[in-house]
Amino acid sequence: MLIEFKNAVKKYGDNAENTVYAMDHVDLGIQEGELCVILGPSGSGKSTLLNMLGGLDRLDEGALLVGGKDLMKLGKNELTEYRRSQVGFVFQFFNLIPDLTVEENIQVASDIASNPMDLDTLLQDLDIAKYRSRFPKELSGGQQQRVAIARSVIKNPKLLLCDELTGALDSKSSRSVISLVDQINRTYKTTTVIITHNEAIRDVADRIVRIRDGKVVSNQLNPNRRKAEDIDL
């Protein structure tokens, strides 16, 4: 397993009466190279789980192993290096730098990576080379999301973490973006975790996990993984 949550607990509140569990003794494993879709309603604990994987927050109890290393035992500098070198984030809102071109937005991430992908090759592979000199305001929402994904992938990360990446897009753009993430996973074998409330996205996954009230209620392999262009978003 590349990722292992072991009896993982994250809770809020200072006494038994008002304690809320964002993660309630979670056990979960994800294999290297898998595309995992995590489904659940708002407030179910999906974002907390993603933040833990990204090294943005710490568990109150339990362990989280990535590549055999327990993130909860890493110091501040080690976590910073983990986020910089091993994790790519894609958020619902694109967070592009408005005064930089497409190429420059991606180059910013490349410059801090220890083993970045080739920029020209990635632009061609993700079909955004024609936009390289444009500014974010000159792109559609779907195009901006593709750039945000490229910025995350240029670092050549071990993990690609996607937070409701179609939430701000129409159905056509959503299909395009999911297709791109699907392509990245298949081409580069990047372990990919998508959290979403969109049930249709489950069909592109190798593994489908459902979360409710901070608990993993199901964890199933998908025997019939489909390509993104074949699903109805």
C-alpha atoms as a PDB file:
ATOM      1  CA  MET A   1       0.000   0.000   0.000  1.00  0.00           C
ATOM      2  CA  LEU A   2       1.228   3.500  -0.796  1.00  0.00           C
ATOM      3  CA  ILE A   3      -1.287   5.144   1.575  1.00  0.00           C
ATOM      4  CA  GLU A   4      -2.433   3.700   4.894  1.00  0.00           C
ATOM      5  CA  PHE A   5      -4.697   5.356   7.446  1.00  0.00           C
ATOM      6  CA  LYS A   6      -4.591   3.343  10.676  1.00  0.00           C
ATOM      7  CA  ASN A   7      -7.253   4.027  13.312  1.00  0.00           C
ATOM      8  CA  ALA A   8      -7.100   7.684  12.267  1.00  0.00           C
ATOM      9  CA  VAL A   9      -8.954  10.209  14.413  1.00  0.00           C
ATOM     10  CA  LYS A  10      -9.491  13.943  13.920  1.00  0.00           C
ATOM     11  CA  LYS A  11     -11.963  15.608  16.247  1.00  0.00           C
ATOM     12  CA  TYR A  12     -13.102  19.078  17.188  1.00  0.00           C
ATOM     13  CA  GLY A  13     -14.519  20.218  20.519  1.00  0.00           C
ATOM     14  CA  ASP A  14     -13.145  20.276  24.062  1.00  0.00           C
ATOM     15  CA  ASN A  15     -15.450  17.834  25.825  1.00  0.00           C
ATOM     16  CA  ALA A  16     -17.610  14.772  25.178  1.00  0.00           C
ATOM     17  CA  GLU A  17     -20.784  16.780  24.762  1.00  0.00           C
ATOM     18  CA  ASN A  18     -19.625  18.949  21.864  1.00  0.00           C
ATOM     19  CA  THR A  19     -17.026  16.707  20.226  1.00  0.00           C
ATOM     20  CA  VAL A  20     -17.427  16.296  16.458  1.00  0.00           C
ATOM     21  CA  TYR A  21     -15.432  13.611  14.639  1.00  0.00           C
ATOM     22  CA  ALA A  22     -14.187  14.664  11.192  1.00  0.00           C
ATOM     23  CA  MET A  23     -12.361  11.321  11.056  1.00  0.00           C
ATOM     24  CA  ASP A  24     -13.722   8.620  13.343  1.00  0.00           C
ATOM     25  CA  HIS A  25     -11.176   5.774  13.688  1.00  0.00           C
ATOM     26  CA  VAL A  26     -10.605   5.496   9.947  1.00  0.00           C
ATOM     27  CA  ASP A  27      -8.763   2.545   8.403  1.00  0.00           C
ATOM     28  CA  LEU A  28      -8.092   2.968   4.687  1.00  0.00           C
ATOM     29  CA  GLY A  29      -5.498   1.763   2.204  1.00  0.00           C
ATOM     30  CA  ILE A  30      -4.815   3.000  -1.340  1.00  0.00           C
ATOM     31  CA  GLN A  31      -2.430   1.218  -3.688  1.00  0.00           C
ATOM     32  CA  GLU A  32       0.299   2.999  -5.615  1.00  0.00           C
ATOM     33  CA  GLY A  33      -0.878   4.076  -9.081  1.00  0.00           C
ATOM     34  CA  GLU A  34      -4.579   3.858  -8.256  1.00  0.00           C
ATOM     35  CA  LEU A  35      -7.161   6.484  -9.056  1.00  0.00           C
ATOM     36  CA  CYS A  36      -9.337   6.646  -5.954  1.00  0.00           C
ATOM     37  CA  VAL A  37     -12.623   8.555  -5.807  1.00  0.00           C
ATOM     38  CA  ILE A  38     -13.887   9.422  -2.321  1.00  0.00           C
ATOM     39  CA  LEU A  39     -17.599  10.181  -2.165  1.00  0.00           C
ATOM     40  CA  GLY A  40     -19.649  11.720   0.596  1.00  0.00           C
ATOM     41  CA  PRO A  41     -21.982  14.603   1.426  1.00  0.00           C
ATOM     42  CA  SER A  42     -20.790  17.969   2.717  1.00  0.00           C
ATOM     43  CA  GLY A  43     -19.447  17.630   6.234  1.00  0.00           C
ATOM     44  CA  SER A  44     -18.712  13.926   5.907  1.00  0.00           C
ATOM     45  CA  GLY A  45     -14.947  14.297   6.428  1.00  0.00           C
ATOM     46  CA  LYS A  46     -13.722  14.159   2.810  1.00  0.00           C
ATOM     47  CA  SER A  47     -11.775  17.417   2.951  1.00  0.00           C
ATOM     48  CA  THR A  48     -10.253  16.541   6.319  1.00  0.00           C
ATOM     49  CA  LEU A  49      -8.958  13.279   4.870  1.00  0.00           C
ATOM     50  CA  LEU A  50      -7.479  15.116   1.879  1.00  0.00           C
ATOM     51  CA  ASN A  51      -5.843  17.721   4.116  1.00  0.00           C
ATOM     52  CA  MET A  52      -4.217  14.944   6.127  1.00  0.00           C
ATOM     53  CA  LEU A  53      -2.871  13.327   2.968  1.00  0.00           C
ATOM     54  CA  GLY A  54      -1.512  16.676   1.838  1.00  0.00           C
ATOM     55  CA  GLY A  55       0.325  17.264   5.104  1.00  0.00           C
ATOM     56  CA  LEU A  56      -1.829  20.312   5.873  1.00  0.00           C
ATOM     57  CA  ASP A  57      -3.231  19.035   9.173  1.00  0.00           C
ATOM     58  CA  ARG A  58      -2.435  16.476  11.860  1.00  0.00           C
ATOM     59  CA  LEU A  59      -4.399  13.597  13.340  1.00  0.00           C
ATOM     60  CA  ASP A  60      -5.337  13.568  16.998  1.00  0.00           C
ATOM     61  CA  GLU A  61      -4.874   9.803  17.147  1.00  0.00           C
ATOM     62  CA  GLY A  62      -3.690   7.012  14.866  1.00  0.00           C
ATOM     63  CA  ALA A  63      -1.232   6.939  12.002  1.00  0.00           C
ATOM     64  CA  LEU A  64      -1.028   7.973   8.347  1.00  0.00           C
ATOM     65  CA  LEU A  65       1.649   6.244   6.316  1.00  0.00           C
ATOM     66  CA  VAL A  66       2.649   7.371   2.838  1.00  0.00           C
ATOM     67  CA  GLY A  67       5.306   5.185   1.264  1.00  0.00           C
ATOM     68  CA  GLY A  68       5.893   3.604   4.661  1.00  0.00           C
ATOM     69  CA  LYS A  69       6.608   6.939   6.374  1.00  0.00           C
ATOM     70  CA  ASP A  70       4.233   8.167   9.102  1.00  0.00           C
ATOM     71  CA  LEU A  71       3.371  11.787   8.304  1.00  0.00           C
ATOM     72  CA  MET A  72       2.333  12.354  11.907  1.00  0.00           C
ATOM     73  CA  LYS A  73       5.945  11.823  12.999  1.00  0.00           C
ATOM     74  CA  LEU A  74       7.429  14.364  10.572  1.00  0.00           C
ATOM     75  CA  GLY A  75       8.613  17.765  11.759  1.00  0.00           C
ATOM     76  CA  LYS A  76       7.564  21.075  10.233  1.00  0.00           C
ATOM     77  CA  ASN A  77      10.451  21.229   7.752  1.00  0.00           C
ATOM     78  CA  GLU A  78       9.995  17.599   6.744  1.00  0.00           C
ATOM     79  CA  LEU A  79       6.281  18.187   6.082  1.00  0.00           C
ATOM     80  CA  THR A  80       7.130  21.248   3.981  1.00  0.00           C
ATOM     81  CA  GLU A  81       9.502  19.156   1.892  1.00  0.00           C
ATOM     82  CA  TYR A  82       6.871  16.405   1.582  1.00  0.00           C
ATOM     83  CA  ARG A  83       4.294  18.898   0.244  1.00  0.00           C
ATOM     84  CA  ARG A  84       6.809  20.453  -2.115  1.00  0.00           C
ATOM     85  CA  SER A  85       8.267  17.290  -3.588  1.00  0.00           C
ATOM     86  CA  GLN A  86       5.623  14.584  -3.332  1.00  0.00           C
ATOM     87  CA  VAL A  87       2.162  16.196  -3.446  1.00  0.00           C
ATOM     88  CA  GLY A  88       0.264  18.030  -6.161  1.00  0.00           C
ATOM     89  CA  PHE A  89      -2.939  19.836  -5.146  1.00  0.00           C
ATOM     90  CA  VAL A  90      -5.837  20.717  -7.447  1.00  0.00           C
ATOM     91  CA  PHE A  91      -8.543  22.821  -5.834  1.00  0.00           C
ATOM     92  CA  GLN A  92     -12.098  23.671  -6.858  1.00  0.00           C
ATOM     93  CA  PHE A  93     -11.002  27.263  -7.407  1.00  0.00           C
ATOM     94  CA  PHE A  94      -8.026  27.552  -9.685  1.00  0.00           C
ATOM     95  CA  ASN A  95      -5.750  29.878  -7.647  1.00  0.00           C
ATOM     96  CA  LEU A  96      -3.782  30.941 -10.707  1.00  0.00           C
ATOM     97  CA  ILE A  97      -1.613  34.058 -10.436  1.00  0.00           C
ATOM     98  CA  PRO A  98      -3.473  36.628 -12.576  1.00  0.00           C
ATOM     99  CA  ASP A  99      -0.401  38.616 -13.660  1.00  0.00           C
ATOM    100  CA  LEU A 100       1.467  35.555 -14.929  1.00  0.00           C
ATOM    101  CA  THR A 101       0.926  33.760 -18.230  1.00  0.00           C
ATOM    102  CA  VAL A 102      -0.058  30.096 -18.436  1.00  0.00           C
ATOM    103  CA  GLU A 103       3.569  29.101 -18.933  1.00  0.00           C
ATOM    104  CA  GLU A 104       4.735  31.267 -16.048  1.00  0.00           C
ATOM    105  CA  ASN A 105       2.059  29.919 -13.697  1.00  0.00           C
ATOM    106  CA  ILE A 106       3.273  26.386 -14.372  1.00  0.00           C
ATOM    107  CA  GLN A 107       6.956  27.363 -14.250  1.00  0.00           C
ATOM    108  CA  VAL A 108       6.511  28.689 -10.704  1.00  0.00           C
ATOM    109  CA  ALA A 109       5.817  25.138  -9.506  1.00  0.00           C
ATOM    110  CA  SER A 110       8.535  23.651 -11.705  1.00  0.00           C
ATOM    111  CA  ASP A 111      11.176  25.958 -10.205  1.00  0.00           C
ATOM    112  CA  ILE A 112      10.695  24.594  -6.672  1.00  0.00           C
ATOM    113  CA  ALA A 113      10.586  20.908  -7.690  1.00  0.00           C
ATOM    114  CA  SER A 114      13.584  18.617  -7.351  1.00  0.00           C
ATOM    115  CA  ASN A 115      12.649  16.448 -10.343  1.00  0.00           C
ATOM    116  CA  PRO A 116      10.167  18.373 -12.539  1.00  0.00           C
ATOM    117  CA  MET A 117       8.684  17.133 -15.777  1.00  0.00           C
ATOM    118  CA  ASP A 118       9.675  18.826 -19.021  1.00  0.00           C
ATOM    119  CA  LEU A 119       7.445  21.878 -19.423  1.00  0.00           C
ATOM    120  CA  ASP A 120       7.114  21.753 -23.216  1.00  0.00           C
ATOM    121  CA  THR A 121       6.250  18.056 -23.185  1.00  0.00           C
ATOM    122  CA  LEU A 122       3.650  18.517 -20.464  1.00  0.00           C
ATOM    123  CA  LEU A 123       2.023  21.457 -22.278  1.00  0.00           C
ATOM    124  CA  GLN A 124       1.717  19.274 -25.388  1.00  0.00           C
ATOM    125  CA  ASP A 125       0.505  16.200 -23.479  1.00  0.00           C
ATOM    126  CA  LEU A 126      -2.234  18.215 -21.733  1.00  0.00           C
ATOM    127  CA  ASP A 127      -3.194  20.098 -24.900  1.00  0.00           C
ATOM    128  CA  ILE A 128      -2.570  23.577 -23.505  1.00  0.00           C
ATOM    129  CA  ALA A 129       0.556  24.576 -25.451  1.00  0.00           C
ATOM    130  CA  LYS A 130      -1.588  26.926 -27.564  1.00  0.00           C
ATOM    131  CA  TYR A 131      -2.489  28.888 -24.415  1.00  0.00           C
ATOM    132  CA  ARG A 132       1.039  29.236 -23.039  1.00  0.00           C
ATOM    133  CA  SER A 133       1.255  33.006 -23.570  1.00  0.00           C
ATOM    134  CA  ARG A 134      -2.258  33.828 -22.378  1.00  0.00           C
ATOM    135  CA  PHE A 135      -3.202  35.223 -18.974  1.00  0.00           C
ATOM    136  CA  PRO A 136      -5.801  33.487 -16.764  1.00  0.00           C
ATOM    137  CA  LYS A 137      -8.471  36.099 -17.518  1.00  0.00           C
ATOM    138  CA  GLU A 138      -8.203  35.152 -21.204  1.00  0.00           C
ATOM    139  CA  LEU A 139      -9.148  31.507 -20.512  1.00  0.00           C
ATOM    140  CA  SER A 140     -12.442  29.736 -19.834  1.00  0.00           C
ATOM    141  CA  GLY A 141     -13.044  28.043 -16.482  1.00  0.00           C
ATOM    142  CA  GLY A 142     -12.234  24.640 -17.920  1.00  0.00           C
ATOM    143  CA  GLN A 143      -9.016  25.935 -19.484  1.00  0.00           C
ATOM    144  CA  GLN A 144      -7.965  27.512 -16.195  1.00  0.00           C
ATOM    145  CA  GLN A 145      -8.564  24.232 -14.396  1.00  0.00           C
ATOM    146  CA  ARG A 146      -6.377  22.417 -16.940  1.00  0.00           C
ATOM    147  CA  VAL A 147      -3.598  24.909 -16.233  1.00  0.00           C
ATOM    148  CA  ALA A 148      -4.056  24.391 -12.487  1.00  0.00           C
ATOM    149  CA  ILE A 149      -3.736  20.639 -13.013  1.00  0.00           C
ATOM    150  CA  ALA A 150      -0.609  21.116 -15.144  1.00  0.00           C
ATOM    151  CA  ARG A 151       0.894  23.296 -12.401  1.00  0.00           C
ATOM    152  CA  SER A 152       0.320  20.472  -9.916  1.00  0.00           C
ATOM    153  CA  VAL A 153       1.636  17.731 -12.178  1.00  0.00           C
ATOM    154  CA  ILE A 154       4.800  19.537 -13.392  1.00  0.00           C
ATOM    155  CA  LYS A 155       6.404  18.718 -10.020  1.00  0.00           C
ATOM    156  CA  ASN A 156       6.195  15.028 -10.913  1.00  0.00           C
ATOM    157  CA  PRO A 157       4.454  14.302  -7.601  1.00  0.00           C
ATOM    158  CA  LYS A 158       3.876  10.917  -6.033  1.00  0.00           C
ATOM    159  CA  LEU A 159       0.327  11.987  -5.118  1.00  0.00           C
ATOM    160  CA  LEU A 160      -2.222  14.109  -6.995  1.00  0.00           C
ATOM    161  CA  LEU A 161      -4.978  15.338  -4.648  1.00  0.00           C
ATOM    162  CA  CYS A 162      -8.107  16.820  -6.224  1.00  0.00           C
ATOM    163  CA  ASP A 163     -10.666  18.729  -4.129  1.00  0.00           C
ATOM    164  CA  GLU A 164     -14.088  18.985  -5.868  1.00  0.00           C
ATOM    165  CA  LEU A 165     -12.269  19.899  -9.067  1.00  0.00           C
ATOM    166  CA  THR A 166     -15.473  20.076 -11.155  1.00  0.00           C
ATOM    167  CA  GLY A 167     -17.514  22.036  -8.631  1.00  0.00           C
ATOM    168  CA  ALA A 168     -17.135  25.362 -10.451  1.00  0.00           C
ATOM    169  CA  LEU A 169     -17.475  23.968 -14.001  1.00  0.00           C
ATOM    170  CA  ASP A 170     -20.280  23.186 -16.430  1.00  0.00           C
ATOM    171  CA  SER A 171     -20.801  19.601 -17.623  1.00  0.00           C
ATOM    172  CA  LYS A 172     -18.697  19.963 -20.791  1.00  0.00           C
ATOM    173  CA  SER A 173     -15.751  21.468 -18.931  1.00  0.00           C
ATOM    174  CA  SER A 174     -16.178  18.915 -16.129  1.00  0.00           C
ATOM    175  CA  ARG A 175     -15.849  16.017 -18.564  1.00  0.00           C
ATOM    176  CA  SER A 176     -12.757  17.616 -20.094  1.00  0.00           C
ATOM    177  CA  VAL A 177     -11.091  18.091 -16.717  1.00  0.00           C
ATOM    178  CA  ILE A 178     -11.928  14.596 -15.442  1.00  0.00           C
ATOM    179  CA  SER A 179     -10.647  13.209 -18.738  1.00  0.00           C
ATOM    180  CA  LEU A 180      -7.389  15.067 -18.165  1.00  0.00           C
ATOM    181  CA  VAL A 181      -6.962  13.684 -14.636  1.00  0.00           C
ATOM    182  CA  ASP A 182      -7.811  10.203 -15.956  1.00  0.00           C
ATOM    183  CA  GLN A 183      -5.167  10.649 -18.668  1.00  0.00           C
ATOM    184  CA  ILE A 184      -2.524  11.765 -16.169  1.00  0.00           C
ATOM    185  CA  ASN A 185      -3.191   8.751 -13.966  1.00  0.00           C
ATOM    186  CA  ARG A 186      -3.038   6.312 -16.867  1.00  0.00           C
ATOM    187  CA  THR A 187       0.008   7.936 -18.534  1.00  0.00           C
ATOM    188  CA  TYR A 188       2.201   8.820 -15.574  1.00  0.00           C
ATOM    189  CA  LYS A 189       0.856   6.251 -13.051  1.00  0.00           C
ATOM    190  CA  THR A 190       0.413   9.083 -10.543  1.00  0.00           C
ATOM    191  CA  THR A 191      -1.563   7.923  -7.522  1.00  0.00           C
ATOM    192  CA  THR A 192      -4.647  10.135  -7.626  1.00  0.00           C
ATOM    193  CA  VAL A 193      -7.294  10.891  -5.001  1.00  0.00           C
ATOM    194  CA  ILE A 194     -10.426  12.819  -5.978  1.00  0.00           C
ATOM    195  CA  ILE A 195     -12.923  13.918  -3.353  1.00  0.00           C
ATOM    196  CA  THR A 196     -16.366  14.759  -4.705  1.00  0.00           C
ATOM    197  CA  HIS A 197     -20.103  14.560  -4.119  1.00  0.00           C
ATOM    198  CA  ASN A 198     -20.652  13.845  -7.846  1.00  0.00           C
ATOM    199  CA  GLU A 199     -21.663  10.184  -8.088  1.00  0.00           C
ATOM    200  CA  ALA A 200     -20.902   9.932 -11.817  1.00  0.00           C
ATOM    201  CA  ILE A 201     -17.186  10.454 -11.268  1.00  0.00           C
ATOM    202  CA  ARG A 202     -16.932   7.097  -9.452  1.00  0.00           C
ATOM    203  CA  ASP A 203     -16.943   5.280 -12.783  1.00  0.00           C
ATOM    204  CA  VAL A 204     -13.428   6.530 -13.701  1.00  0.00           C
ATOM    205  CA  ALA A 205     -11.944   5.139 -10.471  1.00  0.00           C
ATOM    206  CA  ASP A 206      -9.969   2.009  -9.629  1.00  0.00           C
ATOM    207  CA  ARG A 207     -11.168   2.349  -6.034  1.00  0.00           C
ATOM    208  CA  ILE A 208     -14.416   3.887  -4.737  1.00  0.00           C
ATOM    209  CA  VAL A 209     -14.552   4.950  -1.084  1.00  0.00           C
ATOM    210  CA  ARG A 210     -17.638   6.312   0.645  1.00  0.00           C
ATOM    211  CA  ILE A 211     -17.460   8.411   3.792  1.00  0.00           C
ATOM    212  CA  ARG A 212     -20.246   9.482   6.122  1.00  0.00           C
ATOM    213  CA  ASP A 213     -19.996  11.192   9.519  1.00  0.00           C
ATOM    214  CA  GLY A 214     -16.238  10.747   9.565  1.00  0.00           C
ATOM    215  CA  LYS A 215     -16.400   6.979   8.966  1.00  0.00           C
ATOM    216  CA  VAL A 216     -15.478   4.908   5.915  1.00  0.00           C
ATOM    217  CA  VAL A 217     -18.733   3.101   5.167  1.00  0.00           C
ATOM    218  CA  SER A 218     -17.502   1.284   2.039  1.00  0.00           C
ATOM    219  CA  ASN A 219     -14.237   0.697   0.188  1.00  0.00           C
ATOM    220  CA  GLN A 220     -14.598  -1.169  -3.095  1.00  0.00           C
ATOM    221  CA  LEU A 221     -12.475  -1.877  -6.129  1.00  0.00           C
ATOM    222  CA  ASN A 222     -14.131  -0.981  -9.437  1.00  0.00           C
ATOM    223  CA  PRO A 223     -13.863  -3.926 -11.870  1.00  0.00           C
ATOM    224  CA  ASN A 224     -15.167  -1.857 -14.793  1.00  0.00           C
ATOM    225  CA  ARG A 225     -13.203   1.379 -14.798  1.00  0.00           C
ATOM    226  CA  ARG A 226     -14.427   3.617 -17.627  1.00  0.00           C
ATOM    227  CA  LYS A 227     -12.816   6.465 -19.530  1.00  0.00           C
ATOM    228  CA  ALA A 228     -14.009   9.927 -18.589  1.00  0.00           C
ATOM    229  CA  GLU A 229     -15.359  10.690 -22.056  1.00  0.00           C
ATOM    230  CA  ASP A 230     -17.770   7.747 -21.709  1.00  0.00           C
ATOM    231  CA  ILE A 231     -19.484   8.917 -18.513  1.00  0.00           C
ATOM    232  CA  ASP A 232     -22.383  11.326 -18.153  1.00  0.00           C
ATOM    233  CA  LEU A 233     -21.455  14.217 -15.840  1.00  0.00           C
END
